[in-house]
Amino acid sequence: MWLAGVLSRFCVMETRPLQFKLALAGGGRSCLSSGLMSAILLILAILWVGGVDSALSADTANKSLDVEFLSGFLAGEYDLIGRKPDSATTYTGRVTIRDVGGTLQVTRIIDGKTERGTIQFDTAAGADRIPVLRAHFSMDGREYEATYLWRSDLDNYPRVTGYIYLPKNQTKSPGLEALFPIH
């Protein structure tokens, strides 16, 4: 109903035949009719419900990942910011993801130390089958695992965020990481 309130404040002012411009209520000659406003709201509601339905449909959950495309999309260099598990200690560094013969290899450089690991595509959340990245790497001589989500940023570059933790549920409070592409 917020949109209805906004639309009710606008009127249409005819300046020339076949041209219209919006003006604040009181300044125009005729306000938007309630029928026109209802039609606009109905169209917006249909578009919103259609978008939600397609994003949450069972068909979306059953689609297989295009691993080749996603490997190419995610490959590259990233700035890394993170917080260690069970700690308030933060860190920064650089991460490189490369597709080597169909396997995603990760190289992490933090505080001048280089560590290597692997990343696999997986799903989480049971029947919802949400696509995730599962990483395995070491840091400061300890083995870690991570679960990341990825999305495209406003410039269509990958943005990767996730939780890091010790294997076999040894972590009380997971760490956090965010990877920002370097372009």
Protein backbone atom coordinates (compact mmCIF):
# COMPACT_ATOMS: atom_id res chain seq x y z
CA MET A 1 0.00 0.00 0.00
CA TRP A 2 3.04 2.26 0.24
CA LEU A 3 3.04 2.49 -3.56
CA ALA A 4 -0.65 3.45 -3.58
CA GLY A 5 0.15 6.31 -1.19
CA VAL A 6 2.99 7.50 -3.41
CA LEU A 7 0.90 7.26 -6.58
CA SER A 8 -2.02 9.10 -4.96
CA ARG A 9 0.24 12.13 -4.43
CA PHE A 10 0.92 12.50 -8.13
CA CYS A 11 -1.34 13.95 -10.77
CA VAL A 12 -1.03 14.00 -14.55
CA MET A 13 -0.69 17.44 -16.11
CA GLU A 14 -1.27 17.66 -19.84
CA THR A 15 1.20 20.07 -21.41
CA ARG A 16 0.65 19.29 -25.11
CA PRO A 17 -1.47 16.74 -26.92
CA LEU A 18 -0.07 13.21 -26.41
CA GLN A 19 2.51 14.38 -23.84
CA PHE A 20 2.09 14.08 -20.10
CA LYS A 21 4.22 14.92 -17.13
CA LEU A 22 3.91 14.07 -13.46
CA ALA A 23 3.35 16.89 -11.00
CA LEU A 24 2.71 16.95 -7.27
CA ALA A 25 -0.95 16.77 -6.26
CA GLY A 26 -2.66 20.11 -6.41
CA GLY A 27 -0.40 21.40 -9.18
CA GLY A 28 -1.88 19.32 -12.01
CA ARG A 29 -5.21 19.47 -13.74
CA SER A 30 -6.43 15.88 -13.20
CA CYS A 31 -5.26 13.25 -10.72
CA LEU A 32 -4.60 9.61 -11.61
CA SER A 33 -7.92 7.80 -11.54
CA SER A 34 -8.39 5.09 -8.94
CA GLY A 35 -8.96 2.62 -11.81
CA LEU A 36 -5.61 3.45 -13.37
CA MET A 37 -3.89 3.27 -10.00
CA SER A 38 -5.51 -0.13 -9.31
CA ALA A 39 -4.35 -1.41 -12.70
CA ILE A 40 -0.76 -0.29 -12.02
CA LEU A 41 -0.80 -1.96 -8.59
CA LEU A 42 -2.25 -5.18 -10.07
CA ILE A 43 0.46 -5.31 -12.75
CA LEU A 44 3.21 -4.73 -10.16
CA ALA A 45 1.77 -7.45 -7.90
CA ILE A 46 1.65 -9.94 -10.79
CA LEU A 47 5.26 -9.15 -11.71
CA TRP A 48 6.39 -9.51 -8.10
CA VAL A 49 4.59 -12.84 -7.55
CA GLY A 50 5.87 -14.16 -10.88
CA GLY A 51 9.43 -13.28 -9.93
CA VAL A 52 9.14 -14.89 -6.49
CA ASP A 53 7.56 -18.03 -7.95
CA SER A 54 10.30 -18.50 -10.54
CA ALA A 55 13.09 -17.89 -8.02
CA LEU A 56 11.69 -20.33 -5.46
CA SER A 57 10.22 -23.02 -7.68
CA ALA A 58 11.11 -26.68 -7.34
CA ASP A 59 12.40 -26.55 -10.91
CA THR A 60 15.13 -24.13 -9.83
CA ALA A 61 16.27 -26.49 -7.05
CA ASN A 62 16.42 -29.43 -9.47
CA LYS A 63 18.55 -27.71 -12.12
CA SER A 64 22.11 -28.97 -12.24
CA LEU A 65 24.95 -26.49 -12.01
CA ASP A 66 26.87 -25.54 -15.11
CA VAL A 67 30.19 -26.33 -13.42
CA GLU A 68 32.30 -25.40 -16.45
CA PHE A 69 30.71 -21.94 -16.69
CA LEU A 70 30.85 -21.35 -12.93
CA SER A 71 34.48 -22.44 -12.73
CA GLY A 72 35.35 -19.84 -15.37
CA PHE A 73 33.16 -17.23 -13.64
CA LEU A 74 34.82 -17.76 -10.24
CA ALA A 75 38.41 -18.14 -11.50
CA GLY A 76 40.52 -15.10 -10.70
CA GLU A 77 42.18 -13.09 -7.97
CA TYR A 78 40.40 -11.75 -4.91
CA ASP A 79 41.07 -9.49 -1.95
CA LEU A 80 40.24 -11.41 1.22
CA ILE A 81 38.98 -10.17 4.57
CA GLY A 82 38.18 -12.60 7.34
CA ARG A 83 37.85 -13.49 10.99
CA LYS A 84 39.24 -16.73 12.42
CA PRO A 85 36.87 -19.28 13.96
CA ASP A 86 36.42 -19.14 17.74
CA SER A 87 38.33 -15.86 17.78
CA ALA A 88 38.06 -12.13 17.29
CA THR A 89 41.31 -12.17 15.26
CA THR A 90 40.86 -10.68 11.82
CA TYR A 91 43.06 -10.98 8.76
CA THR A 92 43.41 -9.78 5.20
CA GLY A 93 45.08 -11.32 2.22
CA ARG A 94 44.80 -12.41 -1.35
CA VAL A 95 43.09 -15.48 -2.81
CA THR A 96 43.52 -16.94 -6.29
CA ILE A 97 41.06 -19.47 -7.68
CA ARG A 98 42.12 -21.44 -10.77
CA ASP A 99 40.50 -24.23 -12.75
CA VAL A 100 43.23 -26.84 -13.17
CA GLY A 101 42.02 -29.77 -15.26
CA GLY A 102 38.42 -29.46 -14.02
CA THR A 103 39.41 -29.03 -10.36
CA LEU A 104 39.26 -25.66 -8.63
CA GLN A 105 42.54 -24.94 -6.86
CA VAL A 106 42.79 -22.15 -4.30
CA THR A 107 45.95 -20.30 -3.28
CA ARG A 108 45.67 -18.15 -0.17
CA ILE A 109 48.30 -15.59 0.84
CA ILE A 110 47.81 -14.23 4.36
CA ASP A 111 50.54 -12.38 6.30
CA GLY A 112 53.07 -13.43 3.66
CA LYS A 113 52.31 -17.15 4.11
CA THR A 114 51.08 -19.09 1.08
CA GLU A 115 48.67 -21.99 1.59
CA ARG A 116 46.96 -24.12 -1.04
CA GLY A 117 43.68 -26.00 -1.09
CA THR A 118 40.76 -27.15 -3.19
CA ILE A 119 37.18 -26.06 -3.82
CA GLN A 120 34.26 -28.23 -4.92
CA PHE A 121 30.72 -27.37 -5.92
CA ASP A 122 28.14 -28.83 -3.55
CA THR A 123 24.63 -28.18 -2.26
CA ALA A 124 23.32 -27.39 1.21
CA ALA A 125 20.01 -26.99 3.07
CA GLY A 126 18.70 -30.50 2.43
CA ALA A 127 15.88 -30.70 -0.09
CA ASP A 128 16.35 -27.04 -1.08
CA ARG A 129 19.70 -27.98 -2.64
CA ILE A 130 21.19 -24.48 -2.47
CA PRO A 131 24.45 -24.37 -4.47
CA VAL A 132 27.55 -23.70 -2.36
CA LEU A 133 31.31 -23.93 -2.63
CA ARG A 134 33.10 -26.25 -0.18
CA ALA A 135 36.74 -25.38 0.37
CA HIS A 136 39.49 -27.29 2.17
CA PHE A 137 42.72 -25.48 3.06
CA SER A 138 45.21 -24.94 5.86
CA MET A 139 46.02 -21.74 7.72
CA ASP A 140 48.67 -21.36 10.42
CA GLY A 141 49.34 -25.09 10.30
CA ARG A 142 45.71 -26.13 10.95
CA GLU A 143 43.25 -27.66 8.52
CA TYR A 144 40.06 -25.70 7.81
CA GLU A 145 36.92 -26.13 5.81
CA ALA A 146 34.69 -23.39 4.42
CA THR A 147 31.23 -23.10 2.94
CA TYR A 148 30.76 -20.15 0.61
CA LEU A 149 27.88 -18.62 -1.29
CA TRP A 150 28.58 -16.66 -4.44
CA ARG A 151 26.68 -13.97 -6.28
CA SER A 152 27.32 -11.54 -9.06
CA ASP A 153 28.05 -7.97 -7.93
CA LEU A 154 26.71 -4.89 -9.69
CA ASP A 155 29.46 -5.11 -12.33
CA ASN A 156 28.83 -8.85 -12.93
CA TYR A 157 31.96 -9.94 -11.08
CA PRO A 158 31.73 -12.75 -8.52
CA ARG A 159 31.36 -11.89 -4.85
CA VAL A 160 32.06 -14.80 -2.48
CA THR A 161 31.17 -14.90 1.23
CA GLY A 162 31.07 -17.69 3.75
CA TYR A 163 31.85 -19.37 7.03
CA ILE A 164 35.12 -21.10 7.87
CA TYR A 165 35.45 -23.75 10.53
CA LEU A 166 37.57 -26.60 11.81
CA PRO A 167 36.66 -30.06 10.44
CA LYS A 168 34.35 -32.47 12.27
CA ASN A 169 32.32 -29.85 14.18
CA GLN A 170 35.26 -28.71 16.30
CA THR A 171 34.21 -25.05 16.00
CA LYS A 172 31.94 -23.27 18.49
CA SER A 173 31.77 -19.99 16.55
CA PRO A 174 32.56 -20.11 12.82
CA GLY A 175 34.88 -17.63 11.21
CA LEU A 176 33.82 -15.36 8.37
CA GLU A 177 35.34 -14.58 4.99
CA ALA A 178 34.50 -12.29 2.11
CA LEU A 179 36.30 -12.37 -1.23
CA PHE A 180 36.17 -9.33 -3.51
CA PRO A 181 37.41 -9.65 -7.10
CA ILE A 182 40.45 -7.69 -8.19
CA HIS A 183 39.88 -6.29 -11.69
